[in-house]
């Protein structure tokens, strides 16, 4: 089993920055791709970004491309999401996800679907004020 815990959420002003972290524990050697999703009130959980096991391949939702950066430190079993130029529409609960199989090579329909991931953190709230 793998446990994920997010941290770093909070309140930011529009145009500001936040850095989210997701620490993995347990059978971390079984983790392949890791992703970030978010869910705003009354909306479905949506894909934000994904990173490969090596960290060499990343993808982003169009809504965050150029503003958010995903990275991972496998020595620390941690994945990060640097969020810059925040907008009020970025307000949501952000979830870290991981899978025990490689998803990126299967295409965007897999890595962007929350149903593809085995493990989830409890989420961290991000609120951006205008």
Foldseek 3Di string as FASTA:
>chain_A
DKAKAKDFADEAAQQAKIKMKIAMDDPLVLWFKKFKWWDDPPGDIWGAKMATRVRPDMDGDPVQPPFWDWGDDVVRRMIMIIGGNDDQVVWTWMKMFTASDDQVVVDDVQVGDPVNTDYMYPTDTHGYHD
